[in-house]
Protein backbone atom coordinates (compact mmCIF):
# COMPACT_ATOMS: atom_id res chain seq x y z
CA MET A 1 0.16 15.25 -3.60
CA ASN A 2 -0.63 14.02 0.02
CA LEU A 3 -4.39 13.18 1.31
CA GLU A 4 -5.42 13.11 4.94
CA GLY A 5 -8.75 11.94 5.32
CA ASN A 6 -11.16 10.57 8.17
CA ILE A 7 -10.43 6.94 7.39
CA ILE A 8 -6.94 7.11 5.30
CA ALA A 9 -4.31 9.16 4.90
CA GLY A 10 -1.08 8.69 1.52
CA GLU A 11 0.16 10.26 -1.00
CA TYR A 12 -0.79 10.32 -4.60
CA ASP A 13 1.91 9.78 -7.64
CA GLU A 14 1.54 11.71 -10.68
CA GLY A 15 3.61 9.82 -12.37
CA LEU A 16 3.26 6.29 -11.55
CA LYS A 17 -0.55 7.29 -11.40
CA GLU A 18 -0.55 5.05 -7.90
CA PHE A 19 -1.90 5.98 -4.22
CA SER A 20 0.59 4.85 -1.35
CA LEU A 21 -1.69 4.05 1.07
CA HIS A 22 -0.26 4.79 5.00
CA ARG A 23 -2.86 5.30 7.43
CA VAL A 24 -5.96 2.86 7.85
CA LYS A 25 -7.66 4.58 10.48
CA HIS A 26 -5.17 4.03 13.47
CA LEU A 27 -3.02 1.57 11.50
CA THR A 28 0.08 2.48 9.89
CA LEU A 29 1.10 0.22 6.46
CA GLU A 30 2.24 0.80 3.47
CA SER A 31 0.68 -0.47 0.18
CA THR A 32 0.02 1.09 -3.34
CA ILE A 33 -3.20 0.96 -4.62
CA LYS A 34 -3.61 1.28 -8.60
CA GLU A 35 -7.16 3.28 -10.06
CA ASN A 36 -8.97 -0.32 -11.41
CA GLN A 37 -8.60 -1.46 -6.91
CA LEU A 38 -9.54 1.40 -5.86
CA GLN A 39 -12.73 1.34 -7.95
CA LEU A 40 -13.44 -1.54 -6.75
CA LEU A 41 -13.08 -1.14 -3.59
CA TYR A 42 -15.01 1.94 -3.77
CA GLU A 43 -17.78 0.03 -5.42
CA TYR A 44 -18.01 -2.81 -3.34
CA LEU A 45 -18.30 -0.26 -0.39
CA LYS A 46 -20.93 1.55 -2.08
CA LYS A 47 -22.83 -1.58 -2.81
CA HIS A 48 -22.71 -2.49 1.25
CA GLN A 49 -22.50 0.82 2.83
CA ASP A 50 -26.45 0.75 4.06
CA GLU A 51 -25.13 -2.92 6.16
CA GLU A 52 -25.76 -1.94 10.02
CA ASP A 53 -23.32 -4.56 11.01
CA GLY A 54 -20.36 -2.50 9.32
CA GLN A 55 -17.65 -4.13 7.61
CA ILE A 56 -14.35 -6.15 7.77
CA LEU A 57 -11.43 -5.14 6.20
CA THR A 58 -8.02 -7.05 5.58
CA LEU A 59 -4.75 -5.77 6.04
CA TYR A 60 -2.03 -7.87 4.46
CA ASP A 61 -4.27 -10.69 4.83
CA GLN A 62 -3.70 -10.86 8.43
CA ILE A 63 -4.89 -8.11 10.10
CA LEU A 64 -9.14 -7.26 10.65
CA VAL A 65 -10.13 -4.12 11.01
CA ARG A 66 -14.00 -3.15 11.62
CA LEU A 67 -15.66 -0.39 9.94
CA THR A 68 -18.85 0.68 11.33
CA GLN A 69 -21.39 2.12 8.96
CA GLU A 70 -20.56 5.67 9.74
CA GLU A 71 -16.72 4.59 8.86
CA ILE A 72 -17.91 3.08 5.44
CA ASN A 73 -19.41 6.32 4.89
CA GLN A 74 -16.74 8.18 5.60
CA PHE A 75 -14.33 5.96 3.67
CA ILE A 76 -16.22 6.43 0.84
CA GLN A 77 -15.58 9.83 1.12
CA ASP A 78 -11.99 9.30 1.30
CA LEU A 79 -11.88 7.13 -1.97
CA GLU A 80 -13.68 9.97 -3.93
CA GLN A 81 -11.12 12.31 -3.19
CA VAL A 82 -8.50 9.73 -4.38
CA GLN A 83 -10.25 9.07 -7.39
CA ALA A 84 -10.77 12.61 -7.68
CA LEU A 85 -6.52 12.75 -7.95
CA TYR A 86 -6.22 9.93 -10.73
CA LYS A 87 -9.26 12.19 -12.82
CA SER A 88 -7.06 15.41 -12.15
CA LYS A 89 -4.10 14.67 -14.50
């Protein structure tokens, strides 16, 4: 099942119970997220969503992506959609 969120886009594989991440903001990538990894990322962003300076996301341990406070809230909404995919099956 494809997901096209505000910050992320990807595809959920029901059989493998994995989410393949294809886009973060404007960057194209290929990374797989297991349910526990998704939960940890979600909890971290929820804990820090009110920080005015935003957050820095690291992709492939090399590429830094700045997330504003508004983008963090959008990212959280996107992750909630992915979490629903894990729970629906």
